[in-house]
Amino acid sequence: MHGVCIIIGAMTSGMAGFDDRLNEVLAQQADKSGESVDAYVRRAVVTRLVKELADDADSDLGRMLRTMRDAQDAAPTPAPAEESAPDDGIPFDSVIRDAARLQALRDTGLLDTPPDPKYDRLVAMAADALGVPIAAVSLVDDKRQFFKAAVGLGDNDDRITEMPVGRSVCRYAVETGRPLVVEDARTDELFADHPGVLDKTWVSYLGIPLLDDGGHALGTLCVWDQQPRQWTTGHIQILKDLAWIVREQIFD
């Protein structure tokens, strides 16, 4: 994964050597996607990398990607559940408090563990590829959201490692078991009054649930920004591809 970051950096730094026409085309296409040229190129590199790996019959990572895609496509989608009000007054889908899901989460052994370079590299790739300031691998239990890895949430002793589940956005992706796409939470009926929106912690969000073999969503690979974003199908696919790799790390 470190090599990928080097490649991305080389491509973005090398754009100064492109001819004027190519730079003009790049700028036009990036503008159409609502991205900077650097973000557009980074996303293109990750997209091609994942595709070529998935198509490479001799690549162990490619075989893993194909297997994970098949497994996720076949995974059961959690049925909608009735909401109940816990003691703290915050409405929660019963999926969040499901005993089997919570046990599966505990069985990963990842809660309250220190940073791990392999997860750190993946969230850095997600942030680079989508051109966002914040990305995380989050795990959601019935009381909190724990960040196994994150960029944009501080460093070392100042790093944010968890938040109360009442402030969590990822819990909504966990509840449905589906990708959560929010372009401007300020105009979204569900999220306009969310604590994190009111205090300007986030405005746009994209999260892919991390499902185990039983279809339990344990957390997400997610990105967010304090500015509105137009998430394209390309953005969503890149994050899905990286989420499959995260899932493989968790359940390997």
Protein backbone atom coordinates (compact mmCIF):
# COMPACT_ATOMS: atom_id res chain seq x y z
CA MET A 1 0.00 0.00 0.00
CA HIS A 2 2.93 2.33 0.66
CA GLY A 3 3.96 1.91 -2.98
CA VAL A 4 0.53 3.04 -4.11
CA CYS A 5 0.91 6.30 -2.19
CA ILE A 6 4.28 6.87 -3.89
CA ILE A 7 2.73 6.28 -7.32
CA ILE A 8 -0.10 8.69 -6.59
CA GLY A 9 2.33 11.33 -5.38
CA ALA A 10 4.50 10.89 -8.46
CA MET A 11 1.56 11.28 -10.80
CA THR A 12 0.21 14.39 -9.15
CA SER A 13 3.61 16.00 -8.90
CA GLY A 14 4.36 15.06 -12.51
CA MET A 15 1.39 16.92 -13.94
CA ALA A 16 3.55 20.01 -14.37
CA GLY A 17 5.25 18.17 -17.22
CA PHE A 18 2.04 17.57 -19.15
CA ASP A 19 1.41 19.67 -22.23
CA ASP A 20 -1.05 22.55 -22.02
CA ARG A 21 -3.84 20.68 -23.80
CA LEU A 22 -3.68 17.70 -21.44
CA ASN A 23 -3.67 19.98 -18.41
CA GLU A 24 -6.69 21.77 -19.84
CA VAL A 25 -8.58 18.49 -20.37
CA LEU A 26 -7.66 17.31 -16.87
CA ALA A 27 -8.91 20.57 -15.38
CA GLN A 28 -12.18 20.33 -17.31
CA GLN A 29 -12.87 16.74 -16.27
CA ALA A 30 -11.93 17.42 -12.66
CA ASP A 31 -14.26 20.41 -12.62
CA LYS A 32 -17.11 18.27 -13.98
CA SER A 33 -16.52 15.85 -11.12
CA GLY A 34 -16.43 18.68 -8.57
CA GLU A 35 -12.82 17.83 -7.63
CA SER A 36 -9.39 19.38 -7.76
CA VAL A 37 -7.06 18.08 -10.47
CA ASP A 38 -4.91 16.35 -7.82
CA ALA A 39 -7.95 14.60 -6.31
CA TYR A 40 -9.18 13.59 -9.77
CA VAL A 41 -5.82 12.01 -10.67
CA ARG A 42 -5.51 10.25 -7.31
CA ARG A 43 -8.97 8.74 -7.72
CA ALA A 44 -8.14 7.61 -11.25
CA VAL A 45 -4.97 5.87 -10.03
CA VAL A 46 -6.78 3.98 -7.25
CA THR A 47 -9.64 3.04 -9.59
CA ARG A 48 -7.27 1.55 -12.16
CA LEU A 49 -5.17 -0.15 -9.50
CA VAL A 50 -8.15 -1.90 -7.95
CA LYS A 51 -9.55 -2.92 -11.35
CA GLU A 52 -6.25 -4.36 -12.55
CA LEU A 53 -5.73 -6.21 -9.28
CA ALA A 54 -9.25 -7.66 -9.46
CA ASP A 55 -8.62 -8.79 -13.07
CA ASP A 56 -5.20 -10.31 -12.32
CA ALA A 57 -5.63 -14.08 -12.02
CA ASP A 58 -2.13 -14.46 -10.52
CA SER A 59 -2.56 -11.84 -7.79
CA ASP A 60 -3.41 -12.99 -4.29
CA LEU A 61 -4.92 -9.56 -3.57
CA GLY A 62 -6.89 -9.78 -6.82
CA ARG A 63 -8.31 -13.17 -5.84
CA MET A 64 -9.21 -11.74 -2.45
CA LEU A 65 -10.99 -8.77 -4.05
CA ARG A 66 -13.04 -11.05 -6.32
CA THR A 67 -13.94 -13.31 -3.40
CA MET A 68 -14.93 -10.37 -1.23
CA ARG A 69 -17.07 -8.86 -3.97
CA ASP A 70 -18.91 -12.15 -4.47
CA ALA A 71 -19.38 -12.58 -0.73
CA GLN A 72 -20.65 -9.04 -0.20
CA ASP A 73 -23.02 -9.29 -3.17
CA ALA A 74 -24.43 -12.50 -1.72
CA ALA A 75 -24.58 -11.28 1.90
CA PRO A 76 -28.07 -10.93 3.35
CA THR A 77 -29.36 -7.40 3.80
CA PRO A 78 -30.62 -6.75 7.33
CA ALA A 79 -34.37 -6.36 7.41
CA PRO A 80 -35.77 -3.04 8.62
CA ALA A 81 -36.38 -3.16 12.33
CA GLU A 82 -38.60 -1.19 14.64
CA GLU A 83 -36.92 1.57 16.56
CA SER A 84 -36.90 1.67 20.32
CA ALA A 85 -35.93 4.46 22.67
CA PRO A 86 -33.10 3.53 25.07
CA ASP A 87 -32.56 5.16 28.43
CA ASP A 88 -30.64 8.09 26.95
CA GLY A 89 -33.63 9.04 24.82
CA ILE A 90 -31.80 8.62 21.51
CA PRO A 91 -33.80 6.53 19.01
CA PHE A 92 -31.87 3.45 17.90
CA ASP A 93 -32.64 0.80 15.37
CA SER A 94 -32.64 -2.59 17.11
CA VAL A 95 -29.79 -3.67 14.80
CA ILE A 96 -27.41 -1.55 16.89
CA ARG A 97 -28.34 -3.45 20.06
CA ASP A 98 -28.57 -6.88 18.45
CA ALA A 99 -26.74 -9.36 20.69
CA ALA A 100 -25.36 -11.43 17.81
CA ARG A 101 -23.97 -8.35 16.10
CA LEU A 102 -22.36 -7.08 19.31
CA GLN A 103 -20.80 -10.49 19.95
CA ALA A 104 -19.44 -10.60 16.40
CA LEU A 105 -17.95 -7.15 16.97
CA ARG A 106 -16.29 -8.22 20.21
CA ASP A 107 -14.97 -11.36 18.52
CA THR A 108 -12.89 -9.25 16.14
CA GLY A 109 -10.72 -8.28 19.11
CA LEU A 110 -10.28 -4.79 17.64
CA LEU A 111 -12.14 -2.66 20.15
CA ASP A 112 -9.80 -0.49 22.25
CA THR A 113 -6.71 -1.66 20.38
CA PRO A 114 -3.89 0.74 19.40
CA PRO A 115 -3.33 2.06 15.87
CA ASP A 116 -2.25 -0.49 13.27
CA PRO A 117 -0.24 0.54 10.18
CA LYS A 118 -2.19 -1.70 7.81
CA TYR A 119 -5.47 0.04 8.69
CA ASP A 120 -3.77 3.45 8.77
CA ARG A 121 -2.56 2.96 5.19
CA LEU A 122 -6.05 2.06 3.98
CA VAL A 123 -7.72 5.12 5.49
CA ALA A 124 -4.94 7.29 4.08
CA MET A 125 -5.63 5.79 0.65
CA ALA A 126 -9.34 6.51 1.04
CA ALA A 127 -8.69 10.13 1.98
CA ASP A 128 -6.24 10.60 -0.89
CA ALA A 129 -8.38 8.88 -3.50
CA LEU A 130 -11.51 10.86 -2.65
CA GLY A 131 -9.72 14.11 -1.85
CA VAL A 132 -11.25 14.48 1.62
CA PRO A 133 -9.72 15.68 4.90
CA ILE A 134 -11.08 12.89 7.11
CA ALA A 135 -11.35 9.11 6.69
CA ALA A 136 -11.75 6.33 9.23
CA VAL A 137 -12.29 2.68 9.94
CA SER A 138 -14.99 2.84 12.60
CA LEU A 139 -16.50 0.11 14.77
CA VAL A 140 -19.92 0.74 16.29
CA ASP A 141 -21.25 -0.92 19.43
CA ASP A 142 -24.35 0.07 21.39
CA LYS A 143 -22.61 2.85 23.34
CA ARG A 144 -19.88 4.35 21.16
CA GLN A 145 -18.13 4.54 17.84
CA PHE A 146 -14.50 3.44 18.09
CA PHE A 147 -12.00 4.59 15.47
CA LYS A 148 -9.61 1.75 14.72
CA ALA A 149 -7.83 3.98 12.22
CA ALA A 150 -8.33 7.57 11.10
CA VAL A 151 -6.77 10.51 9.33
CA GLY A 152 -7.88 14.04 10.10
CA LEU A 153 -8.81 13.33 13.73
CA GLY A 154 -5.54 14.35 15.34
CA ASP A 155 -2.23 12.59 15.93
CA ASN A 156 -0.66 10.58 18.75
CA ASP A 157 -2.04 11.55 22.17
CA ASP A 158 -4.34 14.17 20.62
CA ARG A 159 -5.99 11.66 18.31
CA ILE A 160 -9.74 11.18 18.77
CA THR A 161 -10.33 7.46 19.31
CA GLU A 162 -14.07 7.30 19.97
CA MET A 163 -17.30 9.23 20.28
CA PRO A 164 -20.69 8.53 21.88
CA VAL A 165 -22.93 6.54 19.58
CA GLY A 166 -25.48 9.34 19.79
CA ARG A 167 -23.10 11.49 17.73
CA SER A 168 -22.32 8.69 15.28
CA VAL A 169 -23.22 8.97 11.61
CA CYS A 170 -21.81 5.53 10.87
CA ARG A 171 -24.52 3.91 12.97
CA TYR A 172 -27.03 4.71 10.22
CA ALA A 173 -24.99 2.69 7.71
CA VAL A 174 -24.68 -0.08 10.31
CA GLU A 175 -28.45 -0.09 10.85
CA THR A 176 -29.26 -0.53 7.17
CA GLY A 177 -26.24 -2.57 6.11
CA ARG A 178 -26.01 -0.36 3.01
CA PRO A 179 -23.75 2.48 1.87
CA LEU A 180 -24.74 5.84 3.34
CA VAL A 181 -24.38 8.82 1.02
CA VAL A 182 -24.93 12.35 2.36
CA GLU A 183 -24.00 15.28 0.12
CA ASP A 184 -25.21 18.17 2.28
CA ALA A 185 -26.54 17.20 5.70
CA ARG A 186 -27.77 20.75 6.33
CA THR A 187 -30.54 20.21 3.78
CA ASP A 188 -31.17 16.55 4.65
CA GLU A 189 -34.33 15.92 6.66
CA LEU A 190 -32.75 13.05 8.60
CA PHE A 191 -29.47 14.78 9.45
CA ALA A 192 -30.15 18.53 9.57
CA ASP A 193 -30.50 18.41 13.38
CA HIS A 194 -27.70 15.91 13.97
CA PRO A 195 -25.31 17.15 16.71
CA GLY A 196 -22.31 16.87 14.40
CA VAL A 197 -24.02 18.97 11.74
CA LEU A 198 -25.15 21.61 14.19
CA ASP A 199 -21.62 22.09 15.52
CA LYS A 200 -20.17 21.94 11.95
CA THR A 201 -18.13 18.78 12.56
CA TRP A 202 -19.39 17.38 9.25
CA VAL A 203 -21.56 18.36 6.30
CA SER A 204 -20.98 15.57 3.77
CA TYR A 205 -20.42 11.88 4.46
CA LEU A 206 -19.86 8.63 2.60
CA GLY A 207 -19.69 5.33 4.48
CA ILE A 208 -19.55 1.67 3.44
CA PRO A 209 -20.64 -0.89 6.08
CA LEU A 210 -18.17 -3.62 7.02
CA LEU A 211 -20.15 -6.87 6.98
CA ASP A 212 -19.11 -10.18 8.49
CA ASP A 213 -19.98 -13.53 6.90
CA GLY A 214 -23.29 -13.55 8.78
CA GLY A 215 -24.35 -10.21 7.34
CA HIS A 216 -23.76 -8.26 10.56
CA ALA A 217 -22.53 -4.72 9.96
CA LEU A 218 -19.83 -4.09 12.54
CA GLY A 219 -18.76 -0.62 11.45
CA THR A 220 -17.75 1.30 8.36
CA LEU A 221 -15.00 2.56 6.17
CA CYS A 222 -16.05 6.18 5.89
CA VAL A 223 -15.00 9.64 4.76
CA TRP A 224 -16.45 13.03 5.56
CA ASP A 225 -15.94 16.72 5.02
CA GLN A 226 -17.01 20.03 6.57
CA GLN A 227 -18.08 21.12 3.08
CA PRO A 228 -20.85 19.76 0.85
CA ARG A 229 -19.68 17.14 -1.64
CA GLN A 230 -21.15 15.56 -4.74
CA TRP A 231 -20.35 11.87 -4.34
CA THR A 232 -20.13 10.15 -7.72
CA THR A 233 -20.59 6.47 -8.50
CA GLY A 234 -16.80 6.39 -8.92
CA HIS A 235 -16.28 7.67 -5.38
CA ILE A 236 -18.68 5.06 -4.01
CA GLN A 237 -17.03 2.22 -5.94
CA ILE A 238 -13.54 3.20 -4.78
CA LEU A 239 -14.66 3.24 -1.15
CA LYS A 240 -16.41 -0.13 -1.64
CA ASP A 241 -13.22 -1.62 -3.06
CA LEU A 242 -11.14 -0.33 -0.17
CA ALA A 243 -13.81 -1.53 2.28
CA TRP A 244 -13.44 -5.07 0.90
CA ILE A 245 -9.74 -4.89 1.69
CA VAL A 246 -10.48 -3.61 5.22
CA ARG A 247 -12.95 -6.43 5.70
CA GLU A 248 -10.33 -8.96 4.64
CA GLN A 249 -7.93 -7.52 7.22
CA ILE A 250 -10.55 -7.82 9.95
CA PHE A 251 -11.68 -11.36 9.20
CA ASP A 252 -8.46 -12.89 7.85
